[in-house]
Protein backbone atom coordinates (compact mmCIF):
# COMPACT_ATOMS: atom_id res chain seq x y z
CA MET A 1 93.91 30.23 44.91
CA PHE A 2 96.66 29.89 42.30
CA ASP A 3 95.60 32.89 40.21
CA THR A 4 96.42 36.22 41.85
CA ILE A 5 97.46 37.79 45.15
CA LEU A 6 96.76 41.48 45.55
CA GLY A 7 96.34 41.76 41.80
CA LEU A 8 99.68 40.12 40.97
CA PRO A 9 99.97 36.72 39.35
CA VAL A 10 100.86 34.06 41.95
CA HIS A 11 103.22 32.53 39.39
CA ALA A 12 105.35 35.65 39.19
CA LEU A 13 105.71 35.59 42.98
CA VAL A 14 106.22 31.89 43.69
CA ILE A 15 108.68 31.19 40.88
CA HIS A 16 111.22 33.22 42.80
CA VAL A 17 110.93 30.77 45.68
CA VAL A 18 111.67 27.88 43.30
CA VAL A 19 114.45 29.68 41.41
CA VAL A 20 116.24 30.60 44.65
CA LEU A 21 115.55 27.69 46.99
CA VAL A 22 115.91 24.67 44.70
CA PRO A 23 119.45 25.57 43.56
CA LEU A 24 120.30 26.60 47.15
CA ALA A 25 118.96 23.25 48.35
CA ALA A 26 121.03 21.52 45.66
CA LEU A 27 124.19 23.22 46.94
CA GLY A 28 123.28 22.30 50.52
CA VAL A 29 122.65 18.68 49.62
CA ILE A 30 125.94 18.49 47.74
CA GLY A 31 127.62 19.92 50.84
CA ILE A 32 126.16 17.37 53.23
CA ALA A 33 126.76 14.57 50.72
CA VAL A 34 130.42 15.40 50.23
CA VAL A 35 131.32 16.46 53.78
CA PRO A 36 129.86 13.91 56.23
CA ALA A 37 130.68 16.10 59.25
CA TRP A 38 128.22 18.71 57.94
CA ARG A 39 125.23 16.34 57.97
CA ARG A 40 124.56 16.59 61.68
CA ARG A 41 125.22 20.32 61.85
CA PHE A 42 123.57 21.54 58.63
CA GLY A 43 121.31 18.61 57.70
CA PRO A 44 118.13 19.99 59.30
CA ALA A 45 118.59 23.40 57.67
CA VAL A 46 119.25 21.80 54.29
CA LEU A 47 116.11 19.66 54.72
CA ALA A 48 114.05 22.74 55.58
CA VAL A 49 115.23 24.64 52.49
CA THR A 50 114.73 21.56 50.30
CA THR A 51 111.22 21.02 51.68
CA VAL A 52 110.11 24.61 51.05
CA GLY A 53 111.59 24.47 47.55
CA LEU A 54 109.81 21.19 46.84
CA VAL A 55 106.45 22.48 48.11
CA ALA A 56 106.79 25.61 45.96
CA VAL A 57 107.25 23.61 42.73
CA PRO A 58 103.64 22.40 42.29
CA VAL A 59 102.37 25.83 43.34
CA ALA A 60 104.51 27.38 40.60
CA THR A 61 103.27 24.81 38.09
CA ARG A 62 99.59 25.28 38.90
CA SER A 63 99.85 29.06 39.06
CA GLY A 64 101.65 29.01 35.72
CA MET A 65 98.69 27.21 34.18
CA LYS A 66 96.37 29.86 35.59
CA LEU A 67 98.61 32.60 34.22
CA GLN A 68 98.77 30.96 30.80
CA ALA A 69 94.97 31.17 30.59
CA ARG A 70 95.16 34.94 31.22
CA ILE A 71 98.23 35.87 29.21
CA HIS A 72 97.86 38.13 26.21
CA ALA A 73 101.41 39.37 25.87
CA GLN A 74 102.39 40.83 22.56
CA GLY A 75 105.33 39.03 20.98
CA VAL A 76 105.19 35.97 23.24
CA THR A 77 104.69 32.94 21.07
CA ALA A 78 102.73 29.85 21.98
CA ASP A 79 105.90 27.86 21.27
CA GLN A 80 107.84 29.81 23.92
CA ILE A 81 105.12 29.24 26.49
CA ASP A 82 104.77 25.55 25.58
CA ARG A 83 108.53 24.91 25.94
CA HIS A 84 108.58 26.69 29.31
CA LYS A 85 105.47 24.81 30.46
CA HIS A 86 106.86 21.42 29.39
CA MET A 87 110.17 21.99 31.18
CA GLY A 88 108.35 23.38 34.23
CA GLN A 89 106.26 20.24 34.55
CA LEU A 90 109.49 18.22 34.81
CA VAL A 91 110.99 20.23 37.70
CA ILE A 92 109.10 18.23 40.31
CA TYR A 93 110.89 14.95 39.53
CA PRO A 94 114.53 15.84 40.24
CA THR A 95 113.42 18.11 43.08
CA ALA A 96 111.45 15.29 44.73
CA ALA A 97 114.41 12.94 44.26
CA LEU A 98 116.66 15.56 45.83
CA TRP A 99 114.34 15.79 48.84
CA VAL A 100 114.11 12.01 49.31
CA LEU A 101 117.87 11.59 49.09
CA ALA A 102 118.49 14.49 51.49
CA VAL A 103 116.11 12.89 53.99
CA LEU A 104 117.91 9.57 53.59
CA LEU A 105 121.33 11.17 54.08
CA VAL A 106 120.27 12.88 57.30
CA TYR A 107 118.41 9.79 58.52
CA LEU A 108 121.36 7.47 57.91
CA ASP A 109 123.66 9.94 59.64
CA ARG A 110 121.36 10.16 62.69
CA ARG A 111 121.18 6.37 62.86
CA ALA A 112 125.00 6.29 62.76
CA ARG A 113 124.89 4.08 59.73
CA GLY A 114 127.80 4.51 57.40
CA GLY A 115 129.39 2.40 54.78
CA ARG A 116 128.29 1.60 51.30
CA ALA A 117 124.64 2.68 51.72
CA VAL A 118 125.61 6.21 52.70
CA THR A 119 128.14 6.40 49.87
CA VAL A 120 125.53 5.33 47.31
CA VAL A 121 122.90 7.73 48.70
CA ALA A 122 125.44 10.57 48.75
CA ALA A 123 126.42 9.92 45.13
CA LEU A 124 122.77 9.79 44.04
CA ALA A 125 122.07 12.97 46.02
CA VAL A 126 124.82 14.81 44.14
CA LEU A 127 123.34 13.65 40.82
CA ALA A 128 119.83 14.67 41.88
CA ALA A 129 121.14 18.05 43.03
CA ALA A 130 122.73 18.66 39.64
CA ALA A 131 119.58 17.53 37.83
CA ALA A 132 117.29 19.74 39.93
CA ALA A 133 119.50 22.80 39.56
CA VAL A 134 119.84 22.32 35.80
CA GLN A 135 116.11 21.71 35.32
CA VAL A 136 115.18 24.84 37.29
CA THR A 137 117.76 26.90 35.41
CA ILE A 138 116.56 25.78 31.98
CA THR A 139 112.91 26.27 32.91
CA GLY A 140 113.58 29.69 34.41
CA HIS A 141 115.57 30.77 31.38
CA LEU A 142 112.80 29.72 28.99
CA GLY A 143 110.23 31.60 31.08
CA SER A 144 112.42 34.69 31.26
CA VAL A 145 112.97 34.70 27.52
CA ALA A 146 109.22 34.39 26.93
CA VAL A 147 108.48 37.31 29.25
CA TRP A 148 111.37 39.65 28.70
CA SER A 149 112.62 39.21 25.15
CA CYS A 150 110.01 41.49 23.60
CA THR A 151 109.96 43.86 26.54
CA LEU A 152 113.65 44.50 25.90
CA GLN A 153 113.00 44.63 22.14
CA THR A 154 115.37 41.93 21.04
CA SER A 155 115.34 40.23 17.69
CA ALA A 156 113.04 37.51 19.12
CA CYS A 157 110.04 39.87 18.84
CA LYS A 158 107.62 39.71 15.95
């Protein structure tokens, strides 16, 4: 299930969902955290994007493990793959926190509850958004370097 689709590695397909939607969700959550008037209007859309991004993370992780078992790329070192894999396994944590905090923000807004609780949740949501976006960016960069550095014949090749 997590190996290939139509002869292409699932990982190469699903990582694009994570790389696009998690940072987009982070921006959306920052928006609804900082501008309370946007919660009611954009909250459901932000939750939808955040949910799809969150669901794609474990699919990317599992499919990456399947791909690692098949990979025989010249020039790609085990160290490059291990660093990418380690960072990829951490993506779920800030992304899950982002989702929980986005749900809480929208819920508290719908219940017309303001005050300190919303302020704390909004501040935590901004931190989680930054953490998720940074974690996805670092992981994606490490994966890209592992795949493309030797293809483009940089000095990283052996």
